[in-house]
């Protein structure tokens, strides 16, 4: 369970790094965030799945702002 929480937390932090940046995030940062989300999905609870979906949407919205 601890590992699952770590992956979920990493995904949240990675998305935050991209979306809270004052300048444009690099493509590498966006890719890292997406990878973290996908890794966290594998063992996420139903509630976490919903939150991960929201994080995915935040990344997609951010990419649309470029």
Protein backbone atom coordinates (compact mmCIF):
# COMPACT_ATOMS: atom_id res chain seq x y z
CA UNK A 1 0.00 0.00 0.00
CA UNK A 2 2.84 2.38 0.79
CA UNK A 3 4.32 1.93 -2.71
CA UNK A 4 0.95 2.69 -4.29
CA UNK A 5 0.67 5.86 -2.26
CA UNK A 6 4.19 6.87 -3.30
CA UNK A 7 3.33 6.49 -6.99
CA UNK A 8 0.13 8.47 -6.53
CA UNK A 9 1.99 11.22 -4.66
CA UNK A 10 4.69 11.34 -7.34
CA UNK A 11 2.01 11.76 -10.00
CA UNK A 12 0.42 14.65 -8.09
CA UNK A 13 3.79 16.35 -7.62
CA UNK A 14 4.80 15.89 -11.25
CA UNK A 15 1.52 17.41 -12.49
CA UNK A 16 1.90 20.26 -10.01
CA UNK A 17 5.41 20.94 -11.32
CA UNK A 18 4.01 21.31 -14.83
CA UNK A 19 0.83 23.25 -14.10
CA UNK A 20 2.19 25.65 -11.47
CA UNK A 21 5.22 26.72 -13.47
CA UNK A 22 5.40 30.40 -14.37
CA UNK A 23 6.91 29.65 -17.78
CA UNK A 24 6.21 26.84 -20.18
CA UNK A 25 7.02 23.37 -18.91
CA UNK A 26 9.45 21.34 -20.95
CA UNK A 27 8.21 18.37 -22.95
CA UNK A 28 10.31 16.18 -20.68
CA UNK A 29 8.44 17.45 -17.60
CA UNK A 30 5.10 16.79 -19.30
CA UNK A 31 6.25 13.28 -20.26
CA UNK A 32 7.39 12.59 -16.70
CA UNK A 33 4.01 13.70 -15.35
CA UNK A 34 2.16 11.47 -17.82
CA UNK A 35 4.38 8.50 -16.98
CA UNK A 36 3.82 9.03 -13.26
CA UNK A 37 0.06 9.09 -13.80
CA UNK A 38 0.19 5.87 -15.83
CA UNK A 39 2.39 4.14 -13.25
CA UNK A 40 0.11 5.16 -10.40
CA UNK A 41 -2.98 3.89 -12.26
CA UNK A 42 -1.83 0.29 -12.18
CA UNK A 43 -2.53 -0.19 -8.46
CA UNK A 44 -4.76 2.77 -7.65
CA UNK A 45 -7.96 2.50 -5.68
CA UNK A 46 -11.21 3.58 -7.31
CA UNK A 47 -10.99 6.98 -5.60
CA UNK A 48 -7.39 7.43 -6.71
CA UNK A 49 -8.37 6.44 -10.27
CA UNK A 50 -10.78 9.37 -10.34
CA UNK A 51 -8.14 11.75 -9.03
CA UNK A 52 -5.62 10.46 -11.56
CA UNK A 53 -8.15 11.11 -14.32
CA UNK A 54 -8.40 14.71 -13.10
CA UNK A 55 -4.60 15.01 -13.12
CA UNK A 56 -4.54 13.66 -16.69
CA UNK A 57 -7.09 16.29 -17.70
CA UNK A 58 -5.01 19.03 -16.09
CA UNK A 59 -1.99 17.97 -18.16
CA UNK A 60 -4.09 17.88 -21.33
CA UNK A 61 -5.49 21.36 -20.62
CA UNK A 62 -1.98 22.62 -19.94
CA UNK A 63 -0.76 21.20 -23.24
CA UNK A 64 -3.66 22.92 -25.00
CA UNK A 65 -2.44 26.29 -23.69
CA UNK A 66 0.86 26.04 -25.55
